[in-house]
Amino acid sequence: MLHIEFTTDLGAKVTVDVENASALLDTQRQYGRLGWTSGEIPGGGYQFPLENEPDFDWHLIGARKWTSPDGEELVIHKGHAYRRRELEAVDSRKMKLPAAVKYSRGAKSTDPEHIREKSDGEFEYVTLAIFRGGRRQDRYATPGARPGTSTQAPAQAARPAPTRPAPAQARPAPARADDEPPF
């Protein structure tokens, strides 16, 4: 029997028993849909193969993909919004790096020192995940997704602003799936 400790979206610690290692990722997906996390962001962010980026299952780390009304792709994790950035390959005398996709945000004073990264100048940032090189790992893909396809659910897509507001008493409450986190 395996034990996995989650931190709920409200900060409570919960230990869940898992029958075996093959059920571990399914358990992480199940509780990750609620915004629960099972670990801290490592320095430099989580590392995944570039081929996993289009259909990566963000629930594995307690996050969800979201597109802003402006069309910007973001990932929401523990109340923070991480932007998608495409990094070009680097081929110089000092360093060789393949192209990558990175999800990061500006650092805050409350962020632990070990996850802050410095860029040019005084600016610091926090990387949630970086997708670079490596071979695709199907276990990281959203179940049922085809390789290379986007997995954003229609309920998470940005909704256009109404052209004119309806009267307050006539506006119904927005529908929400039971397992969708309210953030």
N, C-alpha and C. Protein backbone atom coordinates (compact mmCIF):
# COMPACT_ATOMS: atom_id res chain seq x y z
N MET A 1 0.85 -1.18 0.00
CA MET A 1 0.00 0.00 0.00
C MET A 1 0.90 1.24 0.00
N LEU A 2 0.59 2.17 -0.89
CA LEU A 2 1.31 3.44 -0.96
C LEU A 2 0.47 4.52 -0.30
N HIS A 3 1.13 5.53 0.20
CA HIS A 3 0.45 6.68 0.81
C HIS A 3 0.91 7.93 0.07
N ILE A 4 -0.04 8.78 -0.28
CA ILE A 4 0.31 10.05 -0.92
C ILE A 4 -0.36 11.16 -0.12
N GLU A 5 0.41 12.20 0.17
CA GLU A 5 -0.11 13.33 0.94
C GLU A 5 -0.46 14.46 -0.01
N PHE A 6 -1.67 14.95 0.08
CA PHE A 6 -2.13 16.08 -0.71
C PHE A 6 -2.32 17.29 0.19
N THR A 7 -2.18 18.45 -0.39
CA THR A 7 -2.57 19.69 0.26
C THR A 7 -3.77 20.20 -0.51
N THR A 8 -4.89 20.38 0.18
CA THR A 8 -6.11 20.83 -0.50
C THR A 8 -5.96 22.28 -0.92
N ASP A 9 -6.90 22.74 -1.72
CA ASP A 9 -6.87 24.13 -2.16
C ASP A 9 -7.07 25.10 -1.00
N LEU A 10 -7.51 24.60 0.15
CA LEU A 10 -7.66 25.44 1.35
C LEU A 10 -6.54 25.21 2.36
N GLY A 11 -5.53 24.41 1.98
CA GLY A 11 -4.35 24.23 2.83
C GLY A 11 -4.38 23.05 3.78
N ALA A 12 -5.46 22.28 3.79
CA ALA A 12 -5.52 21.11 4.68
C ALA A 12 -4.64 20.00 4.12
N LYS A 13 -4.04 19.22 5.01
CA LYS A 13 -3.22 18.07 4.61
C LYS A 13 -4.10 16.82 4.68
N VAL A 14 -4.09 16.04 3.59
CA VAL A 14 -4.89 14.82 3.50
C VAL A 14 -3.99 13.70 3.00
N THR A 15 -4.03 12.56 3.67
CA THR A 15 -3.26 11.39 3.22
C THR A 15 -4.23 10.41 2.58
N VAL A 16 -3.86 9.95 1.38
CA VAL A 16 -4.70 9.02 0.62
C VAL A 16 -3.91 7.74 0.40
N ASP A 17 -4.55 6.59 0.64
CA ASP A 17 -3.92 5.30 0.39
C ASP A 17 -4.13 4.91 -1.07
N VAL A 18 -3.07 4.39 -1.69
CA VAL A 18 -3.12 3.96 -3.08
C VAL A 18 -2.71 2.49 -3.11
N GLU A 19 -3.50 1.67 -3.78
CA GLU A 19 -3.26 0.22 -3.80
C GLU A 19 -1.88 -0.15 -4.31
N ASN A 20 -1.48 0.45 -5.45
CA ASN A 20 -0.19 0.10 -6.05
C ASN A 20 0.31 1.25 -6.91
N ALA A 21 1.53 1.13 -7.40
CA ALA A 21 2.16 2.20 -8.18
C ALA A 21 1.41 2.50 -9.47
N SER A 22 0.76 1.50 -10.06
CA SER A 22 0.05 1.74 -11.31
C SER A 22 -1.18 2.63 -11.11
N ALA A 23 -1.68 2.73 -9.89
CA ALA A 23 -2.84 3.58 -9.61
C ALA A 23 -2.45 4.98 -9.14
N LEU A 24 -1.16 5.22 -8.96
CA LEU A 24 -0.69 6.49 -8.40
C LEU A 24 -1.08 7.69 -9.27
N LEU A 25 -0.79 7.64 -10.56
CA LEU A 25 -1.09 8.78 -11.43
C LEU A 25 -2.59 9.03 -11.54
N ASP A 26 -3.39 7.97 -11.55
CA ASP A 26 -4.85 8.15 -11.58
C ASP A 26 -5.33 8.85 -10.32
N THR A 27 -4.72 8.53 -9.18
CA THR A 27 -5.08 9.18 -7.92
C THR A 27 -4.68 10.66 -7.95
N GLN A 28 -3.50 10.94 -8.49
CA GLN A 28 -3.07 12.33 -8.61
C GLN A 28 -4.01 13.11 -9.53
N ARG A 29 -4.45 12.50 -10.62
CA ARG A 29 -5.40 13.16 -11.52
C ARG A 29 -6.72 13.44 -10.80
N GLN A 30 -7.21 12.44 -10.08
CA GLN A 30 -8.50 12.56 -9.39
C GLN A 30 -8.51 13.75 -8.42
N TYR A 31 -7.50 13.82 -7.57
CA TYR A 31 -7.47 14.89 -6.58
C TYR A 31 -6.93 16.20 -7.16
N GLY A 32 -6.12 16.10 -8.20
CA GLY A 32 -5.62 17.29 -8.87
C GLY A 32 -6.73 18.08 -9.54
N ARG A 33 -7.79 17.40 -10.01
CA ARG A 33 -8.95 18.09 -10.59
C ARG A 33 -9.58 19.05 -9.59
N LEU A 34 -9.41 18.76 -8.31
CA LEU A 34 -9.96 19.62 -7.26
C LEU A 34 -9.01 20.75 -6.90
N GLY A 35 -7.83 20.77 -7.52
CA GLY A 35 -6.83 21.79 -7.20
C GLY A 35 -5.90 21.37 -6.08
N TRP A 36 -5.97 20.09 -5.67
CA TRP A 36 -5.09 19.58 -4.62
C TRP A 36 -3.73 19.26 -5.21
N THR A 37 -2.69 19.50 -4.46
CA THR A 37 -1.33 19.25 -4.92
C THR A 37 -0.67 18.21 -4.03
N SER A 38 0.31 17.50 -4.61
CA SER A 38 0.98 16.45 -3.84
C SER A 38 2.47 16.74 -3.67
N GLY A 39 2.87 17.95 -3.91
CA GLY A 39 4.28 18.30 -3.75
C GLY A 39 4.48 19.78 -3.98
N GLU A 40 5.70 20.20 -3.77
CA GLU A 40 6.06 21.59 -4.00
C GLU A 40 6.73 21.71 -5.36
N ILE A 41 6.66 22.89 -5.95
CA ILE A 41 7.33 23.13 -7.23
C ILE A 41 8.83 23.02 -7.00
N PRO A 42 9.50 22.17 -7.77
CA PRO A 42 10.96 22.07 -7.61
C PRO A 42 11.67 23.29 -8.21
N GLY A 43 12.87 23.58 -7.76
CA GLY A 43 13.66 24.66 -8.34
C GLY A 43 13.79 24.43 -9.84
N GLY A 44 13.52 25.46 -10.63
CA GLY A 44 13.55 25.32 -12.09
C GLY A 44 12.26 24.79 -12.67
N GLY A 45 11.31 24.40 -11.82
CA GLY A 45 10.03 23.88 -12.28
C GLY A 45 10.06 22.40 -12.59
N TYR A 46 8.88 21.85 -12.79
CA TYR A 46 8.78 20.45 -13.20
C TYR A 46 9.37 20.32 -14.61
N GLN A 47 10.05 19.23 -14.89
CA GLN A 47 10.67 18.99 -16.20
C GLN A 47 9.92 17.87 -16.92
N PHE A 48 9.46 18.16 -18.15
CA PHE A 48 8.75 17.18 -18.95
C PHE A 48 9.25 17.23 -20.39
N PRO A 49 9.06 16.14 -21.15
CA PRO A 49 9.46 16.13 -22.56
C PRO A 49 8.63 17.13 -23.38
N LEU A 50 9.25 17.78 -24.34
CA LEU A 50 8.56 18.76 -25.18
C LEU A 50 7.36 18.15 -25.89
N GLU A 51 7.45 16.91 -26.30
CA GLU A 51 6.34 16.26 -27.01
C GLU A 51 5.10 16.08 -26.14
N ASN A 52 5.23 16.22 -24.82
CA ASN A 52 4.07 16.10 -23.93
C ASN A 52 3.32 17.42 -23.75
N GLU A 53 3.88 18.52 -24.18
CA GLU A 53 3.26 19.82 -23.90
C GLU A 53 1.86 19.99 -24.47
N PRO A 54 1.58 19.63 -25.72
CA PRO A 54 0.24 19.90 -26.27
C PRO A 54 -0.90 19.21 -25.52
N ASP A 55 -0.69 18.01 -24.99
CA ASP A 55 -1.77 17.29 -24.32
C ASP A 55 -1.42 16.91 -22.89
N PHE A 56 -0.55 17.69 -22.27
CA PHE A 56 -0.15 17.40 -20.89
C PHE A 56 -1.35 17.48 -19.96
N ASP A 57 -1.45 16.54 -19.03
CA ASP A 57 -2.55 16.53 -18.06
C ASP A 57 -2.15 17.35 -16.84
N TRP A 58 -2.56 18.61 -16.81
CA TRP A 58 -2.19 19.53 -15.73
C TRP A 58 -2.75 19.10 -14.38
N HIS A 59 -3.78 18.26 -14.37
CA HIS A 59 -4.34 17.78 -13.11
C HIS A 59 -3.31 16.97 -12.31
N LEU A 60 -2.33 16.39 -12.99
CA LEU A 60 -1.30 15.62 -12.29
C LEU A 60 -0.58 16.44 -11.22
N ILE A 61 -0.47 17.74 -11.44
CA ILE A 61 0.20 18.60 -10.47
C ILE A 61 -0.77 19.57 -9.78
N GLY A 62 -2.08 19.30 -9.91
CA GLY A 62 -3.08 20.13 -9.25
C GLY A 62 -3.32 21.45 -9.95
N ALA A 63 -3.09 21.50 -11.25
CA ALA A 63 -3.26 22.74 -12.02
C ALA A 63 -4.31 22.52 -13.10
N ARG A 64 -4.67 23.61 -13.77
CA ARG A 64 -5.59 23.51 -14.90
C ARG A 64 -5.23 24.56 -15.94
N LYS A 65 -5.48 24.22 -17.18
CA LYS A 65 -5.21 25.12 -18.29
C LYS A 65 -6.39 26.07 -18.44
N TRP A 66 -6.09 27.31 -18.83
CA TRP A 66 -7.13 28.31 -19.00
C TRP A 66 -6.70 29.29 -20.08
N THR A 67 -7.62 29.76 -20.87
CA THR A 67 -7.34 30.78 -21.87
C THR A 67 -8.04 32.06 -21.43
N SER A 68 -7.27 33.14 -21.34
CA SER A 68 -7.82 34.43 -20.90
C SER A 68 -8.74 34.99 -21.97
N PRO A 69 -9.56 35.97 -21.64
CA PRO A 69 -10.41 36.61 -22.65
C PRO A 69 -9.60 37.22 -23.80
N ASP A 70 -8.33 37.53 -23.55
CA ASP A 70 -7.46 38.07 -24.60
C ASP A 70 -6.85 36.97 -25.47
N GLY A 71 -7.13 35.70 -25.15
CA GLY A 71 -6.61 34.59 -25.93
C GLY A 71 -5.27 34.07 -25.45
N GLU A 72 -4.78 34.56 -24.32
CA GLU A 72 -3.49 34.12 -23.80
C GLU A 72 -3.65 32.79 -23.06
N GLU A 73 -2.76 31.83 -23.37
CA GLU A 73 -2.79 30.53 -22.71
C GLU A 73 -2.11 30.65 -21.35
N LEU A 74 -2.83 30.26 -20.30
CA LEU A 74 -2.32 30.31 -18.94
C LEU A 74 -2.56 28.96 -18.27
N VAL A 75 -1.81 28.72 -17.21
CA VAL A 75 -2.05 27.57 -16.35
C VAL A 75 -2.24 28.12 -14.95
N ILE A 76 -3.32 27.72 -14.29
CA ILE A 76 -3.62 28.16 -12.93
C ILE A 76 -3.16 27.07 -11.96
N HIS A 77 -2.30 27.44 -11.01
CA HIS A 77 -1.77 26.49 -10.02
C HIS A 77 -1.66 27.21 -8.68
N LYS A 78 -2.36 26.70 -7.68
CA LYS A 78 -2.36 27.27 -6.34
C LYS A 78 -2.65 28.77 -6.35
N GLY A 79 -3.60 29.17 -7.19
CA GLY A 79 -4.03 30.57 -7.24
C GLY A 79 -3.13 31.49 -8.05
N HIS A 80 -2.06 30.98 -8.65
CA HIS A 80 -1.17 31.79 -9.47
C HIS A 80 -1.38 31.45 -10.94
N ALA A 81 -1.24 32.46 -11.80
CA ALA A 81 -1.38 32.26 -13.24
C ALA A 81 0.01 32.23 -13.88
N TYR A 82 0.30 31.17 -14.60
CA TYR A 82 1.58 30.98 -15.27
C TYR A 82 1.38 31.14 -16.77
N ARG A 83 2.20 31.98 -17.39
CA ARG A 83 2.10 32.23 -18.83
C ARG A 83 2.90 31.21 -19.63
N ARG A 84 2.39 30.91 -20.80
CA ARG A 84 3.08 30.01 -21.73
C ARG A 84 4.08 30.84 -22.53
N ARG A 85 5.33 30.39 -22.54
CA ARG A 85 6.38 31.07 -23.28
C ARG A 85 7.14 30.06 -24.13
N GLU A 86 7.35 30.39 -25.37
CA GLU A 86 8.12 29.52 -26.26
C GLU A 86 9.55 30.02 -26.28
N LEU A 87 10.49 29.13 -25.98
CA LEU A 87 11.90 29.47 -25.95
C LEU A 87 12.59 28.86 -27.17
N GLU A 88 13.35 29.67 -27.86
CA GLU A 88 14.08 29.19 -29.03
C GLU A 88 15.28 28.37 -28.60
N ALA A 89 15.73 27.51 -29.49
CA ALA A 89 16.93 26.72 -29.23
C ALA A 89 18.13 27.66 -29.08
N VAL A 90 19.07 27.27 -28.23
CA VAL A 90 20.30 28.03 -28.02
C VAL A 90 21.45 27.16 -28.49
N ASP A 91 22.29 27.73 -29.35
CA ASP A 91 23.45 27.00 -29.85
C ASP A 91 24.63 27.96 -29.88
N SER A 92 25.36 28.01 -28.77
CA SER A 92 26.52 28.89 -28.67
C SER A 92 27.71 28.10 -28.16
N ARG A 93 28.83 28.76 -28.05
CA ARG A 93 30.03 28.10 -27.53
C ARG A 93 29.83 27.68 -26.08
N LYS A 94 29.12 28.48 -25.33
CA LYS A 94 28.95 28.22 -23.89
C LYS A 94 27.83 27.22 -23.60
N MET A 95 26.80 27.19 -24.46
CA MET A 95 25.63 26.39 -24.11
C MET A 95 24.86 25.94 -25.36
N LYS A 96 24.31 24.73 -25.27
CA LYS A 96 23.44 24.21 -26.33
C LYS A 96 22.18 23.68 -25.66
N LEU A 97 21.05 24.27 -26.03
CA LEU A 97 19.77 23.85 -25.48
C LEU A 97 18.75 23.74 -26.61
N PRO A 98 17.94 22.69 -26.62
CA PRO A 98 16.89 22.59 -27.64
C PRO A 98 15.76 23.56 -27.32
N ALA A 99 14.89 23.79 -28.29
CA ALA A 99 13.72 24.64 -28.09
C ALA A 99 12.89 24.10 -26.92
N ALA A 100 12.12 24.98 -26.29
CA ALA A 100 11.33 24.58 -25.13
C ALA A 100 10.07 25.41 -25.04
N VAL A 101 9.13 24.92 -24.25
CA VAL A 101 7.94 25.67 -23.86
C VAL A 101 7.97 25.73 -22.34
N LYS A 102 7.82 26.94 -21.82
CA LYS A 102 7.95 27.16 -20.38
C LYS A 102 6.70 27.87 -19.87
N TYR A 103 6.23 27.47 -18.69
CA TYR A 103 5.12 28.13 -18.02
C TYR A 103 5.69 28.80 -16.78
N SER A 104 5.66 30.14 -16.75
CA SER A 104 6.29 30.87 -15.65
C SER A 104 5.50 32.14 -15.33
N ARG A 105 5.86 32.75 -14.22
CA ARG A 105 5.22 34.00 -13.76
C ARG A 105 6.27 34.82 -13.04
N GLY A 106 5.96 36.08 -12.80
CA GLY A 106 6.85 36.92 -12.01
C GLY A 106 6.87 36.45 -10.57
N ALA A 107 8.06 36.51 -9.95
CA ALA A 107 8.20 36.07 -8.55
C ALA A 107 7.58 37.11 -7.62
N LYS A 108 7.14 36.64 -6.46
CA LYS A 108 6.58 37.49 -5.42
C LYS A 108 7.45 37.40 -4.19
N SER A 109 7.37 38.37 -3.33
CA SER A 109 8.21 38.37 -2.12
C SER A 109 7.91 37.18 -1.22
N THR A 110 6.74 36.59 -1.33
CA THR A 110 6.37 35.44 -0.50
C THR A 110 6.84 34.11 -1.07
N ASP A 111 7.39 34.10 -2.28
CA ASP A 111 7.87 32.86 -2.89
C ASP A 111 9.15 32.40 -2.20
N PRO A 112 9.28 31.09 -1.94
CA PRO A 112 10.53 30.58 -1.35
C PRO A 112 11.72 30.87 -2.26
N GLU A 113 12.84 31.14 -1.66
CA GLU A 113 14.05 31.51 -2.41
C GLU A 113 14.47 30.43 -3.41
N HIS A 114 14.30 29.14 -3.06
CA HIS A 114 14.78 28.07 -3.93
C HIS A 114 14.03 27.95 -5.26
N ILE A 115 12.84 28.55 -5.39
CA ILE A 115 12.12 28.46 -6.67
C ILE A 115 12.25 29.75 -7.49
N ARG A 116 12.83 30.79 -6.93
CA ARG A 116 13.02 32.05 -7.67
C ARG A 116 14.21 31.92 -8.61
N GLU A 117 14.01 32.44 -9.81
CA GLU A 117 15.08 32.46 -10.80
C GLU A 117 15.30 33.90 -11.23
N LYS A 118 16.54 34.24 -11.47
CA LYS A 118 16.86 35.59 -11.93
C LYS A 118 16.96 35.59 -13.45
N SER A 119 16.50 36.67 -14.04
CA SER A 119 16.68 36.85 -15.48
C SER A 119 17.59 38.06 -15.65
N ASP A 120 17.67 38.56 -16.84
CA ASP A 120 18.48 39.76 -17.08
C ASP A 120 17.95 40.90 -16.23
N GLY A 121 18.83 41.58 -15.55
CA GLY A 121 18.42 42.70 -14.70
C GLY A 121 17.98 42.25 -13.34
N GLU A 122 17.06 42.98 -12.75
CA GLU A 122 16.60 42.74 -11.38
C GLU A 122 15.40 41.80 -11.32
N PHE A 123 14.80 41.49 -12.45
CA PHE A 123 13.56 40.73 -12.49
C PHE A 123 13.77 39.28 -12.07
N GLU A 124 12.86 38.76 -11.23
CA GLU A 124 12.88 37.35 -10.83
C GLU A 124 11.57 36.71 -11.27
N TYR A 125 11.63 35.42 -11.53
CA TYR A 125 10.42 34.72 -11.94
C TYR A 125 10.40 33.32 -11.33
N VAL A 126 9.24 32.66 -11.44
CA VAL A 126 9.04 31.30 -10.95
C VAL A 126 8.55 30.46 -12.12
N THR A 127 9.23 29.34 -12.37
CA THR A 127 8.82 28.44 -13.43
C THR A 127 8.01 27.30 -12.83
N LEU A 128 6.80 27.09 -13.34
CA LEU A 128 5.98 25.96 -12.92
C LEU A 128 6.43 24.69 -13.64
N ALA A 129 6.57 24.78 -14.95
CA ALA A 129 6.95 23.60 -15.74
C ALA A 129 7.68 24.04 -17.00
N ILE A 130 8.62 23.19 -17.42
CA ILE A 130 9.32 23.42 -18.68
C ILE A 130 9.29 22.12 -19.47
N PHE A 131 8.96 22.24 -20.74
CA PHE A 131 8.88 21.11 -21.65
C PHE A 131 10.03 21.26 -22.64
N ARG A 132 10.99 20.32 -22.58
CA ARG A 132 12.18 20.42 -23.43
C ARG A 132 12.73 19.02 -23.70
N GLY A 133 13.07 18.78 -24.97
CA GLY A 133 13.74 17.53 -25.35
C GLY A 133 13.02 16.29 -24.85
N GLY A 134 13.77 15.20 -24.72
CA GLY A 134 13.23 13.95 -24.16
C GLY A 134 12.24 13.26 -25.07
N ARG A 135 11.85 12.08 -24.64
CA ARG A 135 10.85 11.29 -25.37
C ARG A 135 9.50 11.42 -24.70
N ARG A 136 8.47 11.43 -25.50
CA ARG A 136 7.10 11.53 -25.01
C ARG A 136 6.81 10.43 -23.99
N GLN A 137 6.11 10.79 -22.93
CA GLN A 137 5.67 9.85 -21.89
C GLN A 137 4.14 9.85 -21.90
N ASP A 138 3.54 8.81 -22.43
CA ASP A 138 2.08 8.75 -22.52
C ASP A 138 1.42 8.88 -21.16
N ARG A 139 2.09 8.48 -20.11
CA ARG A 139 1.50 8.55 -18.77
C ARG A 139 1.23 9.99 -18.32
N TYR A 140 1.89 10.98 -18.95
CA TYR A 140 1.67 12.39 -18.61
C TYR A 140 0.56 13.03 -19.44
N ALA A 141 0.06 12.33 -20.44
CA ALA A 141 -0.98 12.87 -21.32
C ALA A 141 -2.35 12.75 -20.68
N THR A 142 -3.22 13.66 -21.04
CA THR A 142 -4.60 13.59 -20.58
C THR A 142 -5.20 12.29 -21.11
N PRO A 143 -5.82 11.49 -20.24
CA PRO A 143 -6.41 10.22 -20.70
C PRO A 143 -7.40 10.46 -21.84
N GLY A 144 -7.27 9.65 -22.88
CA GLY A 144 -8.16 9.75 -24.03
C GLY A 144 -7.74 10.77 -25.07
N ALA A 145 -6.70 11.55 -24.79
CA ALA A 145 -6.25 12.55 -25.76
C ALA A 145 -5.35 11.90 -26.79
N ARG A 146 -5.42 12.42 -28.00
CA ARG A 146 -4.51 11.96 -29.05
C ARG A 146 -3.24 12.78 -28.97
N PRO A 147 -2.08 12.18 -29.18
CA PRO A 147 -0.82 12.92 -29.14
C PRO A 147 -0.85 14.13 -30.06
N GLY A 148 -0.37 15.26 -29.50
CA GLY A 148 -0.27 16.49 -30.30
C GLY A 148 -1.54 17.29 -30.38
N THR A 149 -2.58 16.94 -29.61
CA THR A 149 -3.83 17.68 -29.66
C THR A 149 -4.02 18.48 -28.39
N SER A 150 -4.73 19.56 -28.50
CA SER A 150 -5.03 20.38 -27.34
C SER A 150 -6.14 19.70 -26.54
N THR A 151 -6.09 19.81 -25.23
CA THR A 151 -7.07 19.13 -24.39
C THR A 151 -7.95 20.09 -23.61
N GLN A 152 -7.93 21.35 -23.98
CA GLN A 152 -8.71 22.30 -23.21
C GLN A 152 -10.19 22.03 -23.38
N ALA A 153 -10.88 21.84 -22.28
CA ALA A 153 -12.31 21.56 -22.31
C ALA A 153 -13.07 22.83 -22.67
N PRO A 154 -14.21 22.69 -23.37
CA PRO A 154 -14.99 23.86 -23.74
C PRO A 154 -15.38 24.72 -22.53
N ALA A 155 -15.62 24.10 -21.37
CA ALA A 155 -16.00 24.86 -20.18
C ALA A 155 -14.89 25.77 -19.70
N GLN A 156 -13.64 25.46 -20.07
CA GLN A 156 -12.53 26.29 -19.62
C GLN A 156 -12.18 27.36 -20.64
N ALA A 157 -12.76 27.31 -21.82
CA ALA A 157 -12.43 28.29 -22.85
C ALA A 157 -12.92 29.67 -22.41
N ALA A 158 -12.25 30.69 -22.89
CA ALA A 158 -12.63 32.06 -22.54
C ALA A 158 -14.00 32.35 -23.14
N ARG A 159 -14.81 33.05 -22.39
CA ARG A 159 -16.13 33.42 -22.87
C ARG A 159 -16.11 34.90 -23.24
N PRO A 160 -16.70 35.27 -24.38
CA PRO A 160 -16.72 36.68 -24.75
C PRO A 160 -17.59 37.47 -23.79
N ALA A 161 -17.22 38.72 -23.60
CA ALA A 161 -18.00 39.59 -22.72
C ALA A 161 -19.34 39.88 -23.38
N PRO A 162 -20.43 39.95 -22.58
CA PRO A 162 -21.74 40.25 -23.17
C PRO A 162 -21.75 41.65 -23.76
N THR A 163 -22.53 41.86 -24.81
CA THR A 163 -22.59 43.18 -25.43
C THR A 163 -23.30 44.18 -24.54
N ARG A 164 -24.29 43.75 -23.81
CA ARG A 164 -24.92 44.62 -22.82
C ARG A 164 -25.36 43.77 -21.64
N PRO A 165 -25.17 44.25 -20.43
CA PRO A 165 -25.51 43.44 -19.27
C PRO A 165 -27.01 43.24 -19.13
N ALA A 166 -27.39 42.06 -18.72
CA ALA A 166 -28.80 41.75 -18.46
C ALA A 166 -29.14 42.26 -17.07
N PRO A 167 -30.42 42.50 -16.81
CA PRO A 167 -30.80 42.91 -15.45
C PRO A 167 -30.35 41.86 -14.44
N ALA A 168 -29.96 42.31 -13.26
CA ALA A 168 -29.40 41.42 -12.23
C ALA A 168 -30.35 40.28 -11.88
N GLN A 169 -31.65 40.54 -11.77
CA GLN A 169 -32.56 39.49 -11.38
C GLN A 169 -32.78 38.47 -12.50
N ALA A 170 -32.49 38.80 -13.76
CA ALA A 170 -32.72 37.90 -14.87
C ALA A 170 -31.49 37.04 -15.20
N ARG A 171 -30.34 37.35 -14.61
CA ARG A 171 -29.11 36.63 -14.93
C ARG A 171 -28.99 35.37 -14.09
N PRO A 172 -28.99 34.17 -14.71
CA PRO A 172 -28.84 32.93 -13.94
C PRO A 172 -27.38 32.75 -13.51
N ALA A 173 -27.21 31.98 -12.46
CA ALA A 173 -25.85 31.67 -11.99
C ALA A 173 -25.16 30.82 -13.04
N PRO A 174 -23.84 31.05 -13.27
CA PRO A 174 -23.14 30.24 -14.27
C PRO A 174 -23.08 28.77 -13.85
N ALA A 175 -23.24 27.89 -14.84
CA ALA A 175 -23.16 26.45 -14.57
C ALA A 175 -21.70 26.06 -14.34
N ARG A 176 -21.48 25.08 -13.46
CA ARG A 176 -20.12 24.66 -13.14
C ARG A 176 -20.14 23.16 -12.91
N ALA A 177 -19.18 22.48 -13.52
CA ALA A 177 -19.08 21.03 -13.29
C ALA A 177 -18.72 20.79 -11.82
N ASP A 178 -19.22 19.69 -11.27
CA ASP A 178 -18.98 19.40 -9.85
C ASP A 178 -17.51 19.27 -9.50
N ASP A 179 -16.70 18.76 -10.43
CA ASP A 179 -15.30 18.54 -10.11
C ASP A 179 -14.40 19.69 -10.55
N GLU A 180 -14.98 20.76 -11.09
CA GLU A 180 -14.17 21.89 -11.52
C GLU A 180 -13.90 22.81 -10.34
N PRO A 181 -12.63 23.16 -10.07
CA PRO A 181 -12.33 24.04 -8.93
C PRO A 181 -12.91 25.43 -9.17
N PRO A 182 -13.34 26.12 -8.13
CA PRO A 182 -14.00 27.40 -8.28
C PRO A 182 -13.04 28.57 -8.45
N PHE A 183 -11.78 28.34 -8.79
CA PHE A 183 -10.85 29.46 -8.96
C PHE A 183 -10.54 29.71 -10.41
